[in-house]
Amino acid sequence: MSRRVDPFAHAWNDDAMPCAVVDIQSELRFWEQTYACQPFHHPGTPFRHYVPTLKFAYDSYLLSHRRSLQQLLPLLPGRYEMALARSVRLEWPVAAAVIARVWERLNAPLEEDPPLFSPLAAALEERALISDAMHRR
């Protein structure tokens, strides 16, 4: 019995869990099962044509240190051109769509989000916790 894969599924069920390690073989299996239903897919384009761009997208994500795609997007066309031979590159608009879908799948930030806590507030809270722990010793 074949399991139907949601082509728009997230890789993680827990939204709070940042993705720091990727099982690329599992991810490529997911994309192979769903690429024909993805918005970036052009009918007649075999899966193997998307693989180098998918790998580039995962590498970019892992190297981004949780920066938003919006922040990285101006740098990515040049990096994409340098990282992949012309014969395996997709046209940039298609590649950008693939990269965006990878970001969405990994629940990565697409746009710049303000920090949850200001650095000063976090530092003060950390100092208070340390001070409290020292007093309880």
Protein backbone atom coordinates (compact mmCIF):
# COMPACT_ATOMS: atom_id res chain seq x y z
CA MET A 1 0.00 0.00 0.00
CA SER A 2 1.55 3.26 -1.13
CA ARG A 3 1.57 6.21 1.26
CA ARG A 4 0.41 9.45 -0.36
CA VAL A 5 2.94 12.20 0.30
CA ASP A 6 1.75 15.76 0.77
CA PRO A 7 3.73 17.83 -1.77
CA PHE A 8 3.51 20.88 0.49
CA ALA A 9 4.40 19.12 3.75
CA HIS A 10 6.93 20.48 6.20
CA ALA A 11 9.92 18.34 7.01
CA TRP A 12 9.30 18.91 10.73
CA ASN A 13 6.12 18.55 12.74
CA ASP A 14 7.37 20.72 15.58
CA ASP A 15 7.37 24.35 14.42
CA ALA A 16 9.70 25.31 17.27
CA MET A 17 12.42 22.89 16.19
CA PRO A 18 15.04 24.56 14.01
CA CYS A 19 16.48 22.31 11.36
CA ALA A 20 20.24 22.02 11.92
CA VAL A 21 20.86 18.65 10.26
CA VAL A 22 19.27 17.37 7.08
CA ASP A 23 18.98 13.79 5.90
CA ILE A 24 19.49 14.67 2.25
CA GLN A 25 18.61 11.18 1.01
CA SER A 26 15.21 11.31 2.76
CA GLU A 27 14.66 14.83 1.49
CA LEU A 28 15.49 13.84 -2.09
CA ARG A 29 13.06 10.90 -1.82
CA PHE A 30 10.37 13.36 -0.69
CA TRP A 31 11.06 15.67 -3.62
CA GLU A 32 11.19 12.78 -6.09
CA GLN A 33 7.73 11.69 -4.93
CA THR A 34 6.28 15.22 -5.04
CA TYR A 35 8.19 17.31 -7.58
CA ALA A 36 5.53 16.89 -10.27
CA CYS A 37 2.97 18.56 -7.94
CA GLN A 38 5.24 21.43 -6.91
CA PRO A 39 4.58 24.96 -8.20
CA PHE A 40 8.11 25.15 -9.64
CA HIS A 41 7.74 22.03 -11.81
CA HIS A 42 7.60 22.35 -15.57
CA PRO A 43 5.85 19.35 -17.18
CA GLY A 44 8.31 17.17 -19.01
CA THR A 45 11.27 18.12 -16.80
CA PRO A 46 12.59 14.95 -15.12
CA PHE A 47 13.42 14.91 -11.42
CA ARG A 48 17.17 14.57 -12.03
CA HIS A 49 17.19 18.12 -13.43
CA TYR A 50 16.05 19.49 -10.05
CA VAL A 51 18.52 17.55 -7.87
CA PRO A 52 21.54 19.92 -8.13
CA THR A 53 19.32 22.91 -7.29
CA LEU A 54 17.70 21.07 -4.38
CA LYS A 55 21.15 20.22 -2.99
CA PHE A 56 22.22 23.84 -3.44
CA ALA A 57 19.10 24.96 -1.56
CA TYR A 58 19.81 22.64 1.39
CA ASP A 59 23.46 23.68 1.50
CA SER A 60 22.45 27.34 1.43
CA TYR A 61 19.96 26.77 4.22
CA LEU A 62 22.45 24.94 6.43
CA LEU A 63 25.10 27.60 5.85
CA SER A 64 22.68 30.48 6.44
CA HIS A 65 22.67 30.18 10.24
CA ARG A 66 18.89 30.71 10.29
CA ARG A 67 18.99 33.93 8.28
CA SER A 68 15.83 34.60 6.34
CA LEU A 69 15.55 33.77 2.68
CA GLN A 70 14.71 37.44 2.10
CA GLN A 71 18.14 38.39 3.51
CA LEU A 72 19.98 35.81 1.41
CA LEU A 73 18.11 36.22 -1.86
CA PRO A 74 20.28 39.06 -3.23
CA LEU A 75 23.41 36.89 -2.80
CA LEU A 76 22.02 33.60 -4.05
CA PRO A 77 22.00 34.12 -7.85
CA GLY A 78 25.76 34.72 -7.87
CA ARG A 79 26.44 31.84 -5.51
CA TYR A 80 24.18 29.58 -7.58
CA GLU A 81 26.03 30.47 -10.76
CA MET A 82 29.40 29.81 -9.13
CA ALA A 83 28.33 26.59 -7.39
CA LEU A 84 26.72 24.78 -10.31
CA ALA A 85 27.91 24.20 -13.85
CA ARG A 86 25.76 25.87 -16.48
CA SER A 87 24.70 22.46 -17.82
CA VAL A 88 22.97 21.54 -14.53
CA ARG A 89 21.58 24.94 -13.51
CA LEU A 90 17.92 25.77 -13.81
CA GLU A 91 16.84 29.20 -14.97
CA TRP A 92 17.11 31.53 -11.95
CA PRO A 93 13.33 32.12 -11.49
CA VAL A 94 12.78 28.34 -11.31
CA ALA A 95 15.80 27.87 -9.04
CA ALA A 96 14.55 30.64 -6.74
CA ALA A 97 11.15 28.91 -6.56
CA VAL A 98 12.84 25.59 -5.67
CA ILE A 99 14.91 27.30 -2.97
CA ALA A 100 11.81 28.97 -1.52
CA ARG A 101 9.98 25.62 -1.34
CA VAL A 102 12.96 24.05 0.46
CA TRP A 103 12.92 26.95 2.96
CA GLU A 104 9.18 26.47 3.48
CA ARG A 105 9.60 22.72 3.93
CA LEU A 106 12.24 23.26 6.61
CA ASN A 107 10.05 25.86 8.34
CA ALA A 108 12.86 28.33 7.79
CA PRO A 109 12.22 32.06 7.98
CA LEU A 110 11.25 33.42 4.57
CA GLU A 111 11.24 37.03 5.71
CA GLU A 112 13.13 38.91 8.37
CA ASP A 113 11.43 38.43 11.72
CA PRO A 114 12.14 40.69 14.68
CA PRO A 115 13.91 38.89 17.54
CA LEU A 116 11.60 37.44 20.19
CA PHE A 117 13.65 39.09 22.93
CA SER A 118 15.93 42.07 22.72
CA PRO A 119 19.59 41.15 23.32
CA LEU A 120 19.69 43.46 26.35
CA ALA A 121 16.60 41.87 27.93
CA ALA A 122 18.00 38.38 27.32
CA ALA A 123 21.36 39.33 28.88
CA LEU A 124 19.68 40.88 31.92
CA GLU A 125 17.46 37.81 32.34
CA GLU A 126 20.49 35.51 32.08
CA ARG A 127 22.36 37.56 34.70
CA ALA A 128 19.34 37.43 37.01
CA LEU A 129 19.12 33.64 36.63
CA ILE A 130 22.83 33.22 37.37
CA SER A 131 22.63 35.54 40.36
CA ASP A 132 19.61 33.68 41.73
CA ALA A 133 21.36 30.33 41.28
CA MET A 134 24.46 31.61 43.09
CA HIS A 135 22.39 32.86 46.02
CA ARG A 136 20.61 29.50 46.35
CA ARG A 137 23.96 27.66 46.58
